[in-house]
C-alpha atoms as a PDB file:
ATOM      1  CA  MET A   1      85.471 129.741  81.251  1.00  0.00           C
ATOM      2  CA  VAL A   2      86.676 127.254  83.751  1.00  0.00           C
ATOM      3  CA  GLU A   3      85.016 124.225  82.169  1.00  0.00           C
ATOM      4  CA  PRO A   4      87.004 124.181  78.843  1.00  0.00           C
ATOM      5  CA  LEU A   5      90.397 124.234  80.667  1.00  0.00           C
ATOM      6  CA  LEU A   6      89.241 121.497  82.979  1.00  0.00           C
ATOM      7  CA  TYR A   7      88.300 119.311  80.008  1.00  0.00           C
ATOM      8  CA  ILE A   8      91.777 119.899  78.384  1.00  0.00           C
ATOM      9  CA  LEU A   9      93.336 118.948  81.663  1.00  0.00           C
ATOM     10  CA  LEU A  10      91.355 115.871  82.194  1.00  0.00           C
ATOM     11  CA  LEU A  11      92.136 114.861  78.487  1.00  0.00           C
ATOM     12  CA  SER A  12      95.859 115.432  79.085  1.00  0.00           C
ATOM     13  CA  LEU A  13      95.553 113.123  82.133  1.00  0.00           C
ATOM     14  CA  LEU A  14      94.063 110.370  80.000  1.00  0.00           C
ATOM     15  CA  VAL A  15      96.964 110.790  77.332  1.00  0.00           C
ATOM     16  CA  ILE A  16      99.534 110.736  79.988  1.00  0.00           C
ATOM     17  CA  THR A  17      98.190 107.700  81.554  1.00  0.00           C
ATOM     18  CA  VAL A  18      98.280 105.894  78.293  1.00  0.00           C
ATOM     19  CA  SER A  19     101.858 107.188  77.611  1.00  0.00           C
ATOM     20  CA  VAL A  20     103.079 105.373  80.713  1.00  0.00           C
ATOM     21  CA  PHE A  21     102.806 102.117  78.739  1.00  0.00           C
ATOM     22  CA  VAL A  22     104.596 103.250  75.753  1.00  0.00           C
ATOM     23  CA  PHE A  23     108.045 103.882  77.301  1.00  0.00           C
ATOM     24  CA  GLU A  24     110.310 101.271  78.640  1.00  0.00           C
ATOM     25  CA  ASP A  25     112.885 103.531  80.339  1.00  0.00           C
ATOM     26  CA  LEU A  26     112.032 103.785  83.995  1.00  0.00           C
ATOM     27  CA  ILE A  27     113.184 107.535  84.344  1.00  0.00           C
ATOM     28  CA  TYR A  28     110.818 108.492  81.593  1.00  0.00           C
ATOM     29  CA  ILE A  29     107.981 106.882  83.481  1.00  0.00           C
ATOM     30  CA  VAL A  30     108.881 108.568  86.739  1.00  0.00           C
ATOM     31  CA  ILE A  31     108.931 112.062  84.833  1.00  0.00           C
ATOM     32  CA  ILE A  32     105.622 111.149  83.303  1.00  0.00           C
ATOM     33  CA  PHE A  33     104.312 110.442  86.893  1.00  0.00           C
ATOM     34  CA  GLY A  34     105.488 113.835  88.057  1.00  0.00           C
ATOM     35  CA  VAL A  35     103.814 115.624  85.160  1.00  0.00           C
ATOM     36  CA  TYR A  36     100.513 113.484  85.878  1.00  0.00           C
ATOM     37  CA  SER A  37     100.726 114.835  89.576  1.00  0.00           C
ATOM     38  CA  SER A  38     101.289 118.197  88.607  1.00  0.00           C
ATOM     39  CA  ILE A  39      98.349 118.180  86.169  1.00  0.00           C
ATOM     40  CA  MET A  40      96.263 116.688  88.795  1.00  0.00           C
ATOM     41  CA  ALA A  41      96.959 119.391  91.361  1.00  0.00           C
ATOM     42  CA  LEU A  42      95.765 121.822  88.710  1.00  0.00           C
ATOM     43  CA  VAL A  43      92.667 119.859  88.287  1.00  0.00           C
ATOM     44  CA  TRP A  44      91.948 120.194  91.974  1.00  0.00           C
ATOM     45  CA  GLN A  45      92.738 123.793  91.969  1.00  0.00           C
ATOM     46  CA  GLN A  46      90.078 124.279  89.106  1.00  0.00           C
ATOM     47  CA  LEU A  47      87.596 122.339  91.230  1.00  0.00           C
ATOM     48  CA  ASN A  48      87.951 124.856  94.022  1.00  0.00           C
ATOM     49  CA  ALA A  49      89.800 122.417  96.487  1.00  0.00           C
ATOM     50  CA  PRO A  50      93.080 124.173  97.026  1.00  0.00           C
ATOM     51  CA  ASP A  51      93.925 122.174 100.214  1.00  0.00           C
ATOM     52  CA  ILE A  52      93.727 118.973  98.137  1.00  0.00           C
ATOM     53  CA  ALA A  53      95.715 120.615  95.220  1.00  0.00           C
ATOM     54  CA  ILE A  54      98.569 121.604  97.778  1.00  0.00           C
ATOM     55  CA  THR A  55      98.613 117.929  99.238  1.00  0.00           C
ATOM     56  CA  GLU A  56      98.731 116.479  95.742  1.00  0.00           C
ATOM     57  CA  ALA A  57     101.509 118.598  94.819  1.00  0.00           C
ATOM     58  CA  ALA A  58     103.473 117.928  97.791  1.00  0.00           C
ATOM     59  CA  VAL A  59     103.045 114.184  97.657  1.00  0.00           C
ATOM     60  CA  GLY A  60     103.595 114.060  93.943  1.00  0.00           C
ATOM     61  CA  ILE A  61     106.996 115.921  94.353  1.00  0.00           C
ATOM     62  CA  ALA A  62     108.065 113.660  97.215  1.00  0.00           C
ATOM     63  CA  THR A  63     107.187 110.453  95.496  1.00  0.00           C
ATOM     64  CA  THR A  64     108.812 111.634  92.353  1.00  0.00           C
ATOM     65  CA  VAL A  65     111.850 112.282  94.059  1.00  0.00           C
ATOM     66  CA  LEU A  66     111.912 108.997  95.865  1.00  0.00           C
ATOM     67  CA  MET A  67     111.195 107.259  92.698  1.00  0.00           C
ATOM     68  CA  ILE A  68     114.058 108.998  90.870  1.00  0.00           C
ATOM     69  CA  ALA A  69     116.349 107.936  93.688  1.00  0.00           C
ATOM     70  CA  VAL A  70     115.287 104.372  93.441  1.00  0.00           C
ATOM     71  CA  VAL A  71     115.586 104.280  89.555  1.00  0.00           C
ATOM     72  CA  SER A  72     119.215 105.707  89.884  1.00  0.00           C
ATOM     73  CA  ARG A  73     120.050 102.841  92.280  1.00  0.00           C
ATOM     74  CA  VAL A  74     118.301 100.007  90.318  1.00  0.00           C
ATOM     75  CA  GLY A  75     118.816 100.941  86.781  1.00  0.00           C
ATOM     76  CA  ARG A  76     116.957 102.688  83.969  1.00  0.00           C
ATOM     77  CA  ARG A  77     115.858  99.528  82.190  1.00  0.00           C
ATOM     78  CA  PRO A  78     113.512  96.828  83.658  1.00  0.00           C
ATOM     79  CA  HIS A  79     115.116  93.354  83.840  1.00  0.00           C
END
């Protein structure tokens, strides 16, 4: 029963990766990156690698927070 869920998660990773190129607002791109990192942590958990899943979640949260701080200082639209 794990395999269909894994395939759905991997397909959603592909959709999320392509959706980064659709948006121009940087805050949306950062949010999409956070969702990507969360789903990737779920994929690692499904592959029975909980240590990598925890690391992915921690690094994803930290980089998302840092990127939100940078976007709030720089501006939401690229110049």
